[in-house]
């Protein structure tokens, strides 16, 4: 009885295993962000693009090839010469993806590593062609225009290979040692010229201020002279008396100064001048 049971199990196990393997080989999944094309051994690559989800195929006769259709970045670097024969090193950042409906053609012509085959080639081609049309100084001052030219030409070239470019931008730009040194020397010379111009302007302003000050003093002296000539020296005498009063007040407030009245010629009764003694009081 046991032998019959084992025989039945063996009898059905092999067909069941074969059926399960066949079913597994007939099902494939297309994950999110990817698409698939079908290669048929009899008819070649199918024109139909398989979307995300689970699909069926004929085992051995058909095979699924998966493509990542999400936008991916890539850096393209090159060293080339400008219009004035200056060496320029450029790095271009490109966001790219394949045209979904053209995946069968991409697989037939380029394979799954289409970006490795195409982007470095056309990127270097476009960069060298555009940079050669500008001087080194123009590459700095007209960077946006250069970037737009590169983007337009690269979009056109990539579309010939069914590749869509989402963004193209220059991320790095350096020049040769001689040009960099020349730029630095030019900036230093411009700064020194600006400093010299400022010094000259400052000296001119100081000279004009001195002239205006001298003219003002001369006019003031002239006005005083005319006033004295017209009204006499009464104003001068008043200023002298005020000055003497200020000096006397200052000496009177000084504790180290003693005033000694002087005696008159008529016996000391009145009008003699006094004197001040300067000393230290204990």
Protein backbone atom coordinates (compact mmCIF):
# COMPACT_ATOMS: atom_id res chain seq x y z
CA UNK A 1 0.00 0.00 0.00
CA UNK A 2 2.84 2.39 0.94
CA UNK A 3 4.64 1.62 -2.28
CA UNK A 4 1.54 2.46 -4.30
CA UNK A 5 1.18 5.78 -2.48
CA UNK A 6 4.84 6.71 -3.14
CA UNK A 7 4.42 5.70 -6.75
CA UNK A 8 1.37 7.98 -7.12
CA UNK A 9 3.28 10.88 -5.53
CA UNK A 10 6.23 10.42 -7.84
CA UNK A 11 3.85 10.05 -10.76
CA UNK A 12 2.23 13.44 -10.15
CA UNK A 13 5.22 15.30 -8.65
CA UNK A 14 7.21 15.48 -11.85
CA UNK A 15 4.35 16.85 -14.01
CA UNK A 16 3.37 19.29 -11.25
CA UNK A 17 6.93 20.56 -10.95
CA UNK A 18 7.21 20.94 -14.70
CA UNK A 19 3.87 22.78 -14.84
CA UNK A 20 4.92 25.13 -12.01
CA UNK A 21 8.25 25.89 -13.69
CA UNK A 22 6.46 26.55 -16.97
CA UNK A 23 3.97 28.89 -15.30
CA UNK A 24 6.79 30.77 -13.50
CA UNK A 25 8.72 31.17 -16.75
CA UNK A 26 5.58 32.46 -18.47
CA UNK A 27 5.08 35.37 -16.01
CA UNK A 28 7.24 38.48 -15.63
CA UNK A 29 6.80 41.74 -13.76
CA UNK A 30 7.50 45.27 -14.97
CA UNK A 31 8.33 47.38 -11.91
CA UNK A 32 7.50 51.02 -11.34
CA UNK A 33 9.64 53.45 -13.32
CA UNK A 34 10.52 50.83 -15.93
CA UNK A 35 9.18 49.57 -19.25
CA UNK A 36 9.83 46.32 -21.13
CA UNK A 37 10.17 45.24 -24.73
CA UNK A 38 9.74 41.66 -25.94
CA UNK A 39 12.28 39.83 -28.03
CA UNK A 40 10.80 36.95 -30.03
CA UNK A 41 13.15 34.35 -31.47
CA UNK A 42 10.99 34.06 -34.57
CA UNK A 43 9.83 37.65 -35.19
CA UNK A 44 12.56 39.68 -33.50
CA UNK A 45 11.89 42.72 -31.27
CA UNK A 46 8.21 43.52 -30.87
CA UNK A 47 7.04 47.07 -31.49
CA UNK A 48 4.84 46.95 -28.39
CA UNK A 49 6.12 48.50 -25.15
CA UNK A 50 4.97 46.73 -21.99
CA UNK A 51 3.84 49.01 -19.17
CA UNK A 52 4.13 48.46 -15.42
CA UNK A 53 2.48 45.32 -14.03
CA UNK A 54 2.46 41.55 -14.55
CA UNK A 55 2.53 40.12 -18.09
CA UNK A 56 2.75 36.77 -19.84
CA UNK A 57 5.15 35.48 -22.50
CA UNK A 58 6.01 32.22 -24.22
CA UNK A 59 8.93 30.58 -22.40
CA UNK A 60 12.17 30.10 -24.37
CA UNK A 61 10.56 31.61 -27.46
CA UNK A 62 10.20 35.10 -25.95
CA UNK A 63 12.32 37.18 -23.57
CA UNK A 64 11.58 40.50 -21.80
CA UNK A 65 14.14 43.33 -21.79
CA UNK A 66 13.60 45.96 -19.09
CA UNK A 67 14.51 49.66 -19.43
CA UNK A 68 14.65 52.28 -16.68
CA UNK A 69 12.61 55.23 -17.99
CA UNK A 70 13.12 57.55 -15.01
CA UNK A 71 15.14 60.74 -15.41
CA UNK A 72 18.77 60.13 -14.54
CA UNK A 73 21.77 62.48 -14.24
CA UNK A 74 25.05 62.21 -16.10
CA UNK A 75 28.17 64.36 -16.11
CA UNK A 76 30.05 64.99 -19.35
CA UNK A 77 33.55 66.48 -19.10
CA UNK A 78 35.84 67.71 -21.84
CA UNK A 79 38.90 69.92 -22.40
CA UNK A 80 38.94 71.98 -25.55
CA UNK A 81 40.21 75.25 -27.03
CA UNK A 82 38.34 78.55 -27.24
CA UNK A 83 38.27 80.93 -30.19
CA UNK A 84 41.39 82.72 -28.92
CA UNK A 85 43.21 79.41 -28.38
CA UNK A 86 42.79 79.26 -24.60
CA UNK A 87 42.35 75.81 -23.08
CA UNK A 88 39.03 75.40 -21.27
CA UNK A 89 37.87 72.51 -19.08
CA UNK A 90 34.09 72.10 -18.96
CA UNK A 91 31.77 69.80 -17.03
CA UNK A 92 28.19 69.45 -18.24
CA UNK A 93 25.38 67.95 -16.14
CA UNK A 94 22.62 66.32 -18.20
CA UNK A 95 19.30 64.92 -16.97
CA UNK A 96 18.13 62.36 -19.53
CA UNK A 97 15.62 59.56 -20.13
CA UNK A 98 14.70 57.38 -23.11
CA UNK A 99 11.66 58.06 -25.28
CA UNK A 100 9.25 55.38 -24.06
CA UNK A 101 7.57 54.71 -27.38
CA UNK A 102 10.93 54.35 -29.09
CA UNK A 103 12.33 51.72 -26.72
CA UNK A 104 12.20 48.92 -29.37
CA UNK A 105 14.33 51.03 -31.74
CA UNK A 106 16.70 52.00 -28.94
CA UNK A 107 17.21 48.32 -28.07
CA UNK A 108 17.70 47.34 -31.68
CA UNK A 109 20.19 50.13 -32.47
CA UNK A 110 21.96 50.84 -29.19
CA UNK A 111 21.11 48.24 -26.57
CA UNK A 112 20.31 48.74 -22.89
CA UNK A 113 23.45 50.84 -22.28
CA UNK A 114 22.34 53.46 -24.82
CA UNK A 115 23.36 56.38 -22.58
CA UNK A 116 26.93 55.07 -22.27
CA UNK A 117 27.18 54.78 -26.04
CA UNK A 118 25.60 58.10 -27.04
CA UNK A 119 25.80 60.86 -24.41
CA UNK A 120 29.62 61.11 -23.99
CA UNK A 121 30.06 61.19 -27.76
CA UNK A 122 27.49 63.83 -28.64
CA UNK A 123 28.27 65.79 -25.46
CA UNK A 124 31.94 66.19 -26.35
CA UNK A 125 31.03 66.98 -29.95
CA UNK A 126 28.64 69.79 -29.01
CA UNK A 127 30.90 71.23 -26.29
CA UNK A 128 33.92 71.46 -28.59
CA UNK A 129 31.86 72.99 -31.41
CA UNK A 130 30.24 75.68 -29.22
CA UNK A 131 33.29 76.63 -27.15
CA UNK A 132 35.33 77.16 -30.34
CA UNK A 133 32.93 79.99 -31.29
CA UNK A 134 33.64 82.11 -28.18
CA UNK A 135 36.68 83.83 -26.72
CA UNK A 136 37.76 82.88 -23.21
CA UNK A 137 36.49 86.20 -21.83
CA UNK A 138 33.14 85.73 -23.58
CA UNK A 139 32.76 82.30 -21.99
CA UNK A 140 32.83 84.07 -18.61
CA UNK A 141 30.74 87.15 -19.39
CA UNK A 142 28.23 85.35 -21.65
CA UNK A 143 27.94 82.09 -19.74
CA UNK A 144 24.14 81.99 -20.00
CA UNK A 145 24.24 82.43 -23.78
CA UNK A 146 26.86 79.70 -24.08
CA UNK A 147 24.77 77.36 -21.92
CA UNK A 148 21.67 78.03 -24.05
CA UNK A 149 23.59 77.26 -27.25
CA UNK A 150 24.91 74.02 -25.81
CA UNK A 151 21.44 73.03 -24.60
CA UNK A 152 19.79 73.68 -27.96
CA UNK A 153 22.39 71.76 -29.96
CA UNK A 154 22.53 68.87 -27.50
CA UNK A 155 18.73 68.51 -27.46
CA UNK A 156 18.74 68.31 -31.23
CA UNK A 157 21.50 65.71 -31.35
CA UNK A 158 20.01 63.57 -28.56
CA UNK A 159 16.60 63.50 -30.26
CA UNK A 160 18.23 61.77 -33.24
CA UNK A 161 18.93 58.83 -30.91
CA UNK A 162 15.46 58.93 -29.25
CA UNK A 163 16.83 60.33 -25.99
CA UNK A 164 14.97 63.10 -24.18
CA UNK A 165 16.99 65.67 -22.18
CA UNK A 166 15.19 67.27 -19.23
CA UNK A 167 17.95 69.72 -18.30
CA UNK A 168 21.41 70.74 -19.48
CA UNK A 169 23.66 73.01 -17.41
CA UNK A 170 27.34 73.93 -17.08
CA UNK A 171 28.48 73.01 -13.58
CA UNK A 172 32.22 73.56 -13.88
CA UNK A 173 34.44 75.77 -16.04
CA UNK A 174 38.17 76.35 -15.60
CA UNK A 175 40.82 77.90 -17.80
CA UNK A 176 44.52 77.35 -18.35
CA UNK A 177 47.12 78.63 -15.90
CA UNK A 178 48.34 81.44 -18.18
CA UNK A 179 44.85 82.84 -18.79
CA UNK A 180 43.97 82.65 -15.08
CA UNK A 181 47.17 84.51 -14.20
CA UNK A 182 46.44 87.17 -16.84
CA UNK A 183 42.93 87.69 -15.42
CA UNK A 184 44.31 88.08 -11.91
CA UNK A 185 46.92 90.60 -13.07
CA UNK A 186 44.25 92.57 -14.92
CA UNK A 187 42.07 92.72 -11.81
CA UNK A 188 45.02 93.89 -9.70
CA UNK A 189 45.85 96.59 -12.27
CA UNK A 190 42.24 97.78 -12.30
CA UNK A 191 42.18 97.98 -8.51
CA UNK A 192 45.42 99.96 -8.44
CA UNK A 193 44.08 102.32 -11.12
CA UNK A 194 40.90 102.87 -9.07
CA UNK A 195 42.99 103.56 -5.96
CA UNK A 196 45.17 106.06 -7.83
CA UNK A 197 42.12 107.82 -9.24
CA UNK A 198 40.65 108.09 -5.74
CA UNK A 199 43.89 109.61 -4.40
CA UNK A 200 43.94 112.18 -7.23
CA UNK A 201 40.30 113.13 -6.61
CA UNK A 202 40.93 113.42 -2.87
CA UNK A 203 43.94 115.71 -3.43
CA UNK A 204 41.92 117.87 -5.83
CA UNK A 205 39.10 118.20 -3.30
CA UNK A 206 41.57 119.15 -0.54
CA UNK A 207 43.15 121.76 -2.82
CA UNK A 208 39.76 123.27 -3.61
CA UNK A 209 38.91 123.32 0.11
CA UNK A 210 42.17 125.13 0.88
CA UNK A 211 41.47 127.73 -1.82
CA UNK A 212 37.95 128.32 -0.53
CA UNK A 213 39.23 128.58 3.07
CA UNK A 214 41.92 131.10 2.07
CA UNK A 215 39.41 133.16 0.09
CA UNK A 216 37.07 133.19 3.09
CA UNK A 217 39.84 134.34 5.46
CA UNK A 218 40.90 137.04 3.00
CA UNK A 219 37.34 138.33 2.70
CA UNK A 220 36.94 138.32 6.48
CA UNK A 221 40.14 140.30 6.96
CA UNK A 222 39.04 142.77 4.29
CA UNK A 223 35.67 143.27 5.97
CA UNK A 224 37.35 143.90 9.34
CA UNK A 225 39.77 146.37 7.78
CA UNK A 226 36.96 148.33 6.15
CA UNK A 227 34.98 148.35 9.39
CA UNK A 228 37.97 149.68 11.37
CA UNK A 229 38.70 152.29 8.75
CA UNK A 230 35.08 153.44 8.85
CA UNK A 231 34.26 153.30 12.56
CA UNK A 232 37.67 153.58 14.23
CA UNK A 233 39.31 151.19 16.64
CA UNK A 234 36.53 151.28 19.21
CA UNK A 235 35.54 147.66 18.53
CA UNK A 236 39.15 146.56 18.99
CA UNK A 237 39.36 148.39 22.33
CA UNK A 238 36.14 146.71 23.47
CA UNK A 239 37.53 143.28 22.53
CA UNK A 240 40.76 144.14 24.44
CA UNK A 241 38.85 145.13 27.56
CA UNK A 242 36.76 141.93 27.39
CA UNK A 243 39.92 139.87 27.07
CA UNK A 244 41.52 141.62 30.06
CA UNK A 245 38.36 141.05 32.08
CA UNK A 246 38.43 137.33 31.28
CA UNK A 247 42.10 137.11 32.29
CA UNK A 248 41.45 138.96 35.56
CA UNK A 249 38.51 136.69 36.36
CA UNK A 250 40.61 133.60 35.71
CA UNK A 251 43.42 134.86 37.97
CA UNK A 252 40.97 135.84 40.69
CA UNK A 253 39.55 132.33 40.78
CA UNK A 254 43.03 130.78 41.03
CA UNK A 255 43.89 130.00 44.70
CA UNK A 256 47.63 130.22 43.97
CA UNK A 257 47.46 133.88 42.86
CA UNK A 258 47.49 136.83 45.35
CA UNK A 259 46.62 140.36 44.38
CA UNK A 260 48.58 143.19 46.03
CA UNK A 261 47.15 146.67 45.51
CA UNK A 262 49.75 149.29 44.53
CA UNK A 263 50.17 152.65 46.25
CA UNK A 264 49.56 155.93 44.42
CA UNK A 265 52.06 158.75 44.08
CA UNK A 266 49.96 160.97 46.40
CA UNK A 267 50.44 158.86 49.54
CA UNK A 268 48.52 155.69 48.61
CA UNK A 269 45.04 157.06 48.73
CA UNK A 270 43.72 155.82 45.53
CA UNK A 271 44.58 155.37 41.92
CA UNK A 272 47.74 153.22 41.79
CA UNK A 273 47.91 149.92 40.00
CA UNK A 274 48.09 146.67 41.95
CA UNK A 275 50.18 143.58 41.19
CA UNK A 276 49.58 139.83 41.24
CA UNK A 277 51.84 137.41 43.07
CA UNK A 278 51.91 133.75 42.02
CA UNK A 279 52.73 131.28 44.74
CA UNK A 280 51.66 128.08 46.47
CA UNK A 281 49.35 128.41 49.43
CA UNK A 282 49.70 125.97 52.26
